[in-house]
Amino acid sequence: MNPGYVTMRVMQSELFKQYPWVISDEQKIAQLKAVRRDDLISFNKRYFNPQNLVLILVGNIDLATIEHDLEKTFGSWQAHK
């Protein structure tokens, strides 16, 4: 393991031990192992939808066609019921 990472984790566990969101690597691994494919699909359907989308466009964008391109790409996207 990386010595810097180990130092940071030990320091965090001591400085912030009273906070509920500070958990050990072993606890994180256990939480991740408990997540199932269906959990991820359910989360995606619930939160990844047009109502929650924030789209940021960066780059060399053709302003004359961008609205049409976005409508073509996302226009038929409906939230999952």
PDB file of N, CA and C in Angstrom:
ATOM      1  N   MET A   1       0.824  -1.187   0.000  1.00  0.00           N
ATOM      2  CA  MET A   1       0.000   0.000   0.000  1.00  0.00           C
ATOM      3  C   MET A   1       0.867   1.249   0.000  1.00  0.00           C
ATOM      4  N   ASN A   2       0.335   2.306  -0.539  1.00  0.00           N
ATOM      5  CA  ASN A   2       1.018   3.579  -0.611  1.00  0.00           C
ATOM      6  C   ASN A   2       1.147   4.187   0.789  1.00  0.00           C
ATOM      7  N   PRO A   3       2.351   4.525   1.232  1.00  0.00           N
ATOM      8  CA  PRO A   3       2.539   5.083   2.580  1.00  0.00           C
ATOM      9  C   PRO A   3       1.758   6.384   2.813  1.00  0.00           C
ATOM     10  N   GLY A   4       1.657   7.205   1.782  1.00  0.00           N
ATOM     11  CA  GLY A   4       0.892   8.452   1.910  1.00  0.00           C
ATOM     12  C   GLY A   4      -0.577   8.181   2.163  1.00  0.00           C
ATOM     13  N   TYR A   5      -1.106   7.169   1.474  1.00  0.00           N
ATOM     14  CA  TYR A   5      -2.514   6.809   1.654  1.00  0.00           C
ATOM     15  C   TYR A   5      -2.750   6.274   3.068  1.00  0.00           C
ATOM     16  N   VAL A   6      -1.862   5.405   3.511  1.00  0.00           N
ATOM     17  CA  VAL A   6      -1.997   4.838   4.857  1.00  0.00           C
ATOM     18  C   VAL A   6      -1.940   5.947   5.901  1.00  0.00           C
ATOM     19  N   THR A   7      -1.025   6.877   5.744  1.00  0.00           N
ATOM     20  CA  THR A   7      -0.903   7.998   6.682  1.00  0.00           C
ATOM     21  C   THR A   7      -2.183   8.825   6.699  1.00  0.00           C
ATOM     22  N   MET A   8      -2.705   9.125   5.502  1.00  0.00           N
ATOM     23  CA  MET A   8      -3.932   9.907   5.412  1.00  0.00           C
ATOM     24  C   MET A   8      -5.093   9.191   6.101  1.00  0.00           C
ATOM     25  N   ARG A   9      -5.231   7.879   5.865  1.00  0.00           N
ATOM     26  CA  ARG A   9      -6.340   7.121   6.462  1.00  0.00           C
ATOM     27  C   ARG A   9      -6.226   7.079   7.990  1.00  0.00           C
ATOM     28  N   VAL A  10      -5.031   6.885   8.501  1.00  0.00           N
ATOM     29  CA  VAL A  10      -4.842   6.855   9.961  1.00  0.00           C
ATOM     30  C   VAL A  10      -5.178   8.219  10.557  1.00  0.00           C
ATOM     31  N   MET A  11      -4.720   9.275   9.896  1.00  0.00           N
ATOM     32  CA  MET A  11      -5.005  10.621  10.382  1.00  0.00           C
ATOM     33  C   MET A  11      -6.510  10.905  10.359  1.00  0.00           C
ATOM     34  N   GLN A  12      -7.168  10.543   9.268  1.00  0.00           N
ATOM     35  CA  GLN A  12      -8.613  10.742   9.179  1.00  0.00           C
ATOM     36  C   GLN A  12      -9.356   9.985  10.269  1.00  0.00           C
ATOM     37  N   SER A  13      -8.960   8.743  10.488  1.00  0.00           N
ATOM     38  CA  SER A  13      -9.673   7.932  11.481  1.00  0.00           C
ATOM     39  C   SER A  13      -9.507   8.511  12.880  1.00  0.00           C
ATOM     40  N   GLU A  14      -8.384   9.160  13.154  1.00  0.00           N
ATOM     41  CA  GLU A  14      -8.176   9.770  14.468  1.00  0.00           C
ATOM     42  C   GLU A  14      -8.852  11.134  14.588  1.00  0.00           C
ATOM     43  N   LEU A  15      -8.682  11.964  13.564  1.00  0.00           N
ATOM     44  CA  LEU A  15      -9.219  13.322  13.636  1.00  0.00           C
ATOM     45  C   LEU A  15     -10.736  13.377  13.514  1.00  0.00           C
ATOM     46  N   PHE A  16     -11.305  12.461  12.751  1.00  0.00           N
ATOM     47  CA  PHE A  16     -12.730  12.525  12.452  1.00  0.00           C
ATOM     48  C   PHE A  16     -13.496  11.300  12.930  1.00  0.00           C
ATOM     49  N   LYS A  17     -13.008  10.641  13.962  1.00  0.00           N
ATOM     50  CA  LYS A  17     -13.641   9.385  14.397  1.00  0.00           C
ATOM     51  C   LYS A  17     -15.067   9.566  14.906  1.00  0.00           C
ATOM     52  N   GLN A  18     -15.430  10.777  15.323  1.00  0.00           N
ATOM     53  CA  GLN A  18     -16.789  11.006  15.813  1.00  0.00           C
ATOM     54  C   GLN A  18     -17.793  11.194  14.676  1.00  0.00           C
ATOM     55  N   TYR A  19     -17.305  11.333  13.441  1.00  0.00           N
ATOM     56  CA  TYR A  19     -18.201  11.550  12.308  1.00  0.00           C
ATOM     57  C   TYR A  19     -18.625  10.216  11.704  1.00  0.00           C
ATOM     58  N   PRO A  20     -19.927  10.051  11.430  1.00  0.00           N
ATOM     59  CA  PRO A  20     -20.431   8.754  10.940  1.00  0.00           C
ATOM     60  C   PRO A  20     -19.995   8.409   9.525  1.00  0.00           C
ATOM     61  N   TRP A  21     -19.578   9.388   8.725  1.00  0.00           N
ATOM     62  CA  TRP A  21     -19.225   9.082   7.338  1.00  0.00           C
ATOM     63  C   TRP A  21     -17.783   8.608   7.164  1.00  0.00           C
ATOM     64  N   VAL A  22     -16.990   8.655   8.215  1.00  0.00           N
ATOM     65  CA  VAL A  22     -15.616   8.163   8.131  1.00  0.00           C
ATOM     66  C   VAL A  22     -15.632   6.670   8.436  1.00  0.00           C
ATOM     67  N   ILE A  23     -15.316   5.873   7.427  1.00  0.00           N
ATOM     68  CA  ILE A  23     -15.317   4.424   7.601  1.00  0.00           C
ATOM     69  C   ILE A  23     -13.991   3.859   7.114  1.00  0.00           C
ATOM     70  N   SER A  24     -13.690   2.683   7.568  1.00  0.00           N
ATOM     71  CA  SER A  24     -12.431   2.041   7.199  1.00  0.00           C
ATOM     72  C   SER A  24     -12.515   1.479   5.778  1.00  0.00           C
ATOM     73  N   ASP A  25     -11.371   1.155   5.222  1.00  0.00           N
ATOM     74  CA  ASP A  25     -11.333   0.529   3.896  1.00  0.00           C
ATOM     75  C   ASP A  25     -12.088  -0.795   3.902  1.00  0.00           C
ATOM     76  N   GLU A  26     -11.967  -1.542   4.981  1.00  0.00           N
ATOM     77  CA  GLU A  26     -12.662  -2.822   5.089  1.00  0.00           C
ATOM     78  C   GLU A  26     -14.180  -2.621   5.057  1.00  0.00           C
ATOM     79  N   GLN A  27     -14.657  -1.567   5.725  1.00  0.00           N
ATOM     80  CA  GLN A  27     -16.082  -1.269   5.712  1.00  0.00           C
ATOM     81  C   GLN A  27     -16.540  -0.849   4.305  1.00  0.00           C
ATOM     82  N   LYS A  28     -15.722  -0.068   3.614  1.00  0.00           N
ATOM     83  CA  LYS A  28     -16.051   0.335   2.245  1.00  0.00           C
ATOM     84  C   LYS A  28     -16.144  -0.882   1.336  1.00  0.00           C
ATOM     85  N   ILE A  29     -15.183  -1.785   1.470  1.00  0.00           N
ATOM     86  CA  ILE A  29     -15.176  -3.006   0.651  1.00  0.00           C
ATOM     87  C   ILE A  29     -16.425  -3.836   0.928  1.00  0.00           C
ATOM     88  N   ALA A  30     -16.796  -3.960   2.188  1.00  0.00           N
ATOM     89  CA  ALA A  30     -18.007  -4.714   2.546  1.00  0.00           C
ATOM     90  C   ALA A  30     -19.256  -4.064   1.949  1.00  0.00           C
ATOM     91  N   GLN A  31     -19.319  -2.743   1.990  1.00  0.00           N
ATOM     92  CA  GLN A  31     -20.461  -2.039   1.405  1.00  0.00           C
ATOM     93  C   GLN A  31     -20.525  -2.271  -0.108  1.00  0.00           C
ATOM     94  N   LEU A  32     -19.388  -2.185  -0.764  1.00  0.00           N
ATOM     95  CA  LEU A  32     -19.357  -2.387  -2.211  1.00  0.00           C
ATOM     96  C   LEU A  32     -19.722  -3.816  -2.596  1.00  0.00           C
ATOM     97  N   LYS A  33     -19.282  -4.773  -1.795  1.00  0.00           N
ATOM     98  CA  LYS A  33     -19.623  -6.174  -2.075  1.00  0.00           C
ATOM     99  C   LYS A  33     -21.115  -6.430  -1.898  1.00  0.00           C
ATOM    100  N   ALA A  34     -21.772  -5.624  -1.066  1.00  0.00           N
ATOM    101  CA  ALA A  34     -23.199  -5.812  -0.817  1.00  0.00           C
ATOM    102  C   ALA A  34     -24.074  -5.239  -1.934  1.00  0.00           C
ATOM    103  N   VAL A  35     -23.495  -4.375  -2.773  1.00  0.00           N
ATOM    104  CA  VAL A  35     -24.255  -3.774  -3.869  1.00  0.00           C
ATOM    105  C   VAL A  35     -24.403  -4.791  -4.992  1.00  0.00           C
ATOM    106  N   ARG A  36     -25.622  -4.939  -5.457  1.00  0.00           N
ATOM    107  CA  ARG A  36     -25.921  -5.902  -6.525  1.00  0.00           C
ATOM    108  C   ARG A  36     -26.258  -5.161  -7.811  1.00  0.00           C
ATOM    109  N   ARG A  37     -26.227  -5.878  -8.887  1.00  0.00           N
ATOM    110  CA  ARG A  37     -26.521  -5.306 -10.205  1.00  0.00           C
ATOM    111  C   ARG A  37     -27.900  -4.651 -10.220  1.00  0.00           C
ATOM    112  N   ASP A  38     -28.889  -5.300  -9.634  1.00  0.00           N
ATOM    113  CA  ASP A  38     -30.243  -4.745  -9.593  1.00  0.00           C
ATOM    114  C   ASP A  38     -30.304  -3.435  -8.813  1.00  0.00           C
ATOM    115  N   ASP A  39     -29.459  -3.312  -7.779  1.00  0.00           N
ATOM    116  CA  ASP A  39     -29.394  -2.061  -7.019  1.00  0.00           C
ATOM    117  C   ASP A  39     -28.906  -0.923  -7.915  1.00  0.00           C
ATOM    118  N   LEU A  40     -27.901  -1.205  -8.724  1.00  0.00           N
ATOM    119  CA  LEU A  40     -27.352  -0.191  -9.618  1.00  0.00           C
ATOM    120  C   LEU A  40     -28.363   0.198 -10.698  1.00  0.00           C
ATOM    121  N   ILE A  41     -29.057  -0.779 -11.232  1.00  0.00           N
ATOM    122  CA  ILE A  41     -30.073  -0.508 -12.255  1.00  0.00           C
ATOM    123  C   ILE A  41     -31.200   0.329 -11.660  1.00  0.00           C
ATOM    124  N   SER A  42     -31.647  -0.024 -10.476  1.00  0.00           N
ATOM    125  CA  SER A  42     -32.712   0.722  -9.813  1.00  0.00           C
ATOM    126  C   SER A  42     -32.285   2.166  -9.535  1.00  0.00           C
ATOM    127  N   PHE A  43     -31.067   2.339  -9.046  1.00  0.00           N
ATOM    128  CA  PHE A  43     -30.534   3.681  -8.780  1.00  0.00           C
ATOM    129  C   PHE A  43     -30.491   4.489 -10.073  1.00  0.00           C
ATOM    130  N   ASN A  44     -29.991   3.865 -11.143  1.00  0.00           N
ATOM    131  CA  ASN A  44     -29.883   4.543 -12.427  1.00  0.00           C
ATOM    132  C   ASN A  44     -31.247   4.981 -12.934  1.00  0.00           C
ATOM    133  N   LYS A  45     -32.236   4.097 -12.856  1.00  0.00           N
ATOM    134  CA  LYS A  45     -33.576   4.430 -13.336  1.00  0.00           C
ATOM    135  C   LYS A  45     -34.202   5.551 -12.511  1.00  0.00           C
ATOM    136  N   ARG A  46     -33.893   5.568 -11.230  1.00  0.00           N
ATOM    137  CA  ARG A  46     -34.505   6.569 -10.353  1.00  0.00           C
ATOM    138  C   ARG A  46     -33.877   7.952 -10.504  1.00  0.00           C
ATOM    139  N   TYR A  47     -32.554   8.021 -10.634  1.00  0.00           N
ATOM    140  CA  TYR A  47     -31.872   9.309 -10.584  1.00  0.00           C
ATOM    141  C   TYR A  47     -31.298   9.792 -11.910  1.00  0.00           C
ATOM    142  N   PHE A  48     -31.048   8.897 -12.843  1.00  0.00           N
ATOM    143  CA  PHE A  48     -30.479   9.310 -14.123  1.00  0.00           C
ATOM    144  C   PHE A  48     -31.615   9.425 -15.123  1.00  0.00           C
ATOM    145  N   ASN A  49     -32.192  10.617 -15.192  1.00  0.00           N
ATOM    146  CA  ASN A  49     -33.337  10.850 -16.052  1.00  0.00           C
ATOM    147  C   ASN A  49     -33.343  12.307 -16.504  1.00  0.00           C
ATOM    148  N   PRO A  50     -34.212  12.649 -17.455  1.00  0.00           N
ATOM    149  CA  PRO A  50     -34.200  14.005 -17.992  1.00  0.00           C
ATOM    150  C   PRO A  50     -34.407  15.095 -16.937  1.00  0.00           C
ATOM    151  N   GLN A  51     -35.217  14.831 -15.917  1.00  0.00           N
ATOM    152  CA  GLN A  51     -35.480  15.838 -14.894  1.00  0.00           C
ATOM    153  C   GLN A  51     -34.243  16.150 -14.059  1.00  0.00           C
ATOM    154  N   ASN A  52     -33.321  15.208 -13.937  1.00  0.00           N
ATOM    155  CA  ASN A  52     -32.125  15.409 -13.117  1.00  0.00           C
ATOM    156  C   ASN A  52     -30.877  15.717 -13.940  1.00  0.00           C
ATOM    157  N   LEU A  53     -31.033  15.854 -15.233  1.00  0.00           N
ATOM    158  CA  LEU A  53     -29.883  16.040 -16.113  1.00  0.00           C
ATOM    159  C   LEU A  53     -29.427  17.487 -16.133  1.00  0.00           C
ATOM    160  N   VAL A  54     -28.139  17.687 -15.943  1.00  0.00           N
ATOM    161  CA  VAL A  54     -27.496  18.977 -16.153  1.00  0.00           C
ATOM    162  C   VAL A  54     -26.441  18.717 -17.215  1.00  0.00           C
ATOM    163  N   LEU A  55     -26.583  19.366 -18.328  1.00  0.00           N
ATOM    164  CA  LEU A  55     -25.703  19.129 -19.463  1.00  0.00           C
ATOM    165  C   LEU A  55     -24.794  20.333 -19.643  1.00  0.00           C
ATOM    166  N   ILE A  56     -23.500  20.077 -19.663  1.00  0.00           N
ATOM    167  CA  ILE A  56     -22.510  21.128 -19.869  1.00  0.00           C
ATOM    168  C   ILE A  56     -21.782  20.811 -21.162  1.00  0.00           C
ATOM    169  N   LEU A  57     -21.798  21.742 -22.070  1.00  0.00           N
ATOM    170  CA  LEU A  57     -21.155  21.559 -23.364  1.00  0.00           C
ATOM    171  C   LEU A  57     -19.865  22.361 -23.398  1.00  0.00           C
ATOM    172  N   VAL A  58     -18.793  21.695 -23.774  1.00  0.00           N
ATOM    173  CA  VAL A  58     -17.488  22.339 -23.833  1.00  0.00           C
ATOM    174  C   VAL A  58     -16.836  21.945 -25.142  1.00  0.00           C
ATOM    175  N   GLY A  59     -16.234  22.886 -25.784  1.00  0.00           N
ATOM    176  CA  GLY A  59     -15.485  22.556 -26.985  1.00  0.00           C
ATOM    177  C   GLY A  59     -15.884  23.412 -28.160  1.00  0.00           C
ATOM    178  N   ASN A  60     -15.486  22.960 -29.315  1.00  0.00           N
ATOM    179  CA  ASN A  60     -15.766  23.658 -30.557  1.00  0.00           C
ATOM    180  C   ASN A  60     -17.162  23.255 -31.019  1.00  0.00           C
ATOM    181  N   ILE A  61     -18.164  23.983 -30.569  1.00  0.00           N
ATOM    182  CA  ILE A  61     -19.565  23.628 -30.796  1.00  0.00           C
ATOM    183  C   ILE A  61     -20.135  24.518 -31.893  1.00  0.00           C
ATOM    184  N   ASP A  62     -20.814  23.891 -32.820  1.00  0.00           N
ATOM    185  CA  ASP A  62     -21.486  24.633 -33.886  1.00  0.00           C
ATOM    186  C   ASP A  62     -22.809  25.162 -33.338  1.00  0.00           C
ATOM    187  N   LEU A  63     -22.844  26.446 -33.008  1.00  0.00           N
ATOM    188  CA  LEU A  63     -24.026  27.042 -32.386  1.00  0.00           C
ATOM    189  C   LEU A  63     -25.252  26.994 -33.292  1.00  0.00           C
ATOM    190  N   ALA A  64     -25.041  26.923 -34.591  1.00  0.00           N
ATOM    191  CA  ALA A  64     -26.166  26.897 -35.531  1.00  0.00           C
ATOM    192  C   ALA A  64     -26.913  25.565 -35.485  1.00  0.00           C
ATOM    193  N   THR A  65     -26.237  24.478 -35.123  1.00  0.00           N
ATOM    194  CA  THR A  65     -26.876  23.158 -35.163  1.00  0.00           C
ATOM    195  C   THR A  65     -27.007  22.475 -33.806  1.00  0.00           C
ATOM    196  N   ILE A  66     -26.460  23.081 -32.743  1.00  0.00           N
ATOM    197  CA  ILE A  66     -26.410  22.383 -31.460  1.00  0.00           C
ATOM    198  C   ILE A  66     -27.799  22.074 -30.910  1.00  0.00           C
ATOM    199  N   GLU A  67     -28.738  22.999 -31.022  1.00  0.00           N
ATOM    200  CA  GLU A  67     -30.081  22.740 -30.496  1.00  0.00           C
ATOM    201  C   GLU A  67     -30.714  21.549 -31.214  1.00  0.00           C
ATOM    202  N   HIS A  68     -30.581  21.502 -32.517  1.00  0.00           N
ATOM    203  CA  HIS A  68     -31.122  20.378 -33.297  1.00  0.00           C
ATOM    204  C   HIS A  68     -30.433  19.066 -32.915  1.00  0.00           C
ATOM    205  N   ASP A  69     -29.107  19.109 -32.783  1.00  0.00           N
ATOM    206  CA  ASP A  69     -28.349  17.902 -32.432  1.00  0.00           C
ATOM    207  C   ASP A  69     -28.756  17.360 -31.060  1.00  0.00           C
ATOM    208  N   LEU A  70     -28.922  18.258 -30.089  1.00  0.00           N
ATOM    209  CA  LEU A  70     -29.330  17.829 -28.741  1.00  0.00           C
ATOM    210  C   LEU A  70     -30.749  17.278 -28.746  1.00  0.00           C
ATOM    211  N   GLU A  71     -31.634  17.933 -29.464  1.00  0.00           N
ATOM    212  CA  GLU A  71     -33.013  17.452 -29.552  1.00  0.00           C
ATOM    213  C   GLU A  71     -33.051  16.074 -30.203  1.00  0.00           C
ATOM    214  N   LYS A  72     -32.246  15.880 -31.221  1.00  0.00           N
ATOM    215  CA  LYS A  72     -32.177  14.584 -31.896  1.00  0.00           C
ATOM    216  C   LYS A  72     -31.638  13.499 -30.964  1.00  0.00           C
ATOM    217  N   THR A  73     -30.676  13.862 -30.145  1.00  0.00           N
ATOM    218  CA  THR A  73     -30.059  12.890 -29.234  1.00  0.00           C
ATOM    219  C   THR A  73     -30.917  12.603 -28.010  1.00  0.00           C
ATOM    220  N   PHE A  74     -31.437  13.638 -27.378  1.00  0.00           N
ATOM    221  CA  PHE A  74     -32.141  13.481 -26.097  1.00  0.00           C
ATOM    222  C   PHE A  74     -33.650  13.702 -26.168  1.00  0.00           C
ATOM    223  N   GLY A  75     -34.169  14.121 -27.287  1.00  0.00           N
ATOM    224  CA  GLY A  75     -35.567  14.528 -27.397  1.00  0.00           C
ATOM    225  C   GLY A  75     -36.577  13.458 -27.020  1.00  0.00           C
ATOM    226  N   SER A  76     -36.300  12.227 -27.309  1.00  0.00           N
ATOM    227  CA  SER A  76     -37.280  11.161 -27.027  1.00  0.00           C
ATOM    228  C   SER A  76     -37.052  10.481 -25.682  1.00  0.00           C
ATOM    229  N   TRP A  77     -36.081  10.965 -24.921  1.00  0.00           N
ATOM    230  CA  TRP A  77     -35.748  10.359 -23.639  1.00  0.00           C
ATOM    231  C   TRP A  77     -36.840  10.668 -22.624  1.00  0.00           C
ATOM    232  N   GLN A  78     -37.481   9.641 -22.130  1.00  0.00           N
ATOM    233  CA  GLN A  78     -38.548   9.768 -21.146  1.00  0.00           C
ATOM    234  C   GLN A  78     -38.086   9.195 -19.805  1.00  0.00           C
ATOM    235  N   ALA A  79     -38.552   9.794 -18.736  1.00  0.00           N
ATOM    236  CA  ALA A  79     -38.219   9.283 -17.399  1.00  0.00           C
ATOM    237  C   ALA A  79     -38.864   7.912 -17.218  1.00  0.00           C
ATOM    238  N   HIS A  80     -38.165   7.009 -16.544  1.00  0.00           N
ATOM    239  CA  HIS A  80     -38.693   5.680 -16.254  1.00  0.00           C
ATOM    240  C   HIS A  80     -39.733   5.797 -15.157  1.00  0.00           C
ATOM    241  N   LYS A  81     -40.861   5.149 -15.340  1.00  0.00           N
ATOM    242  CA  LYS A  81     -41.944   5.205 -14.336  1.00  0.00           C
ATOM    243  C   LYS A  81     -41.685   4.196 -13.241  1.00  0.00           C
TER     244      LYS A  81
END
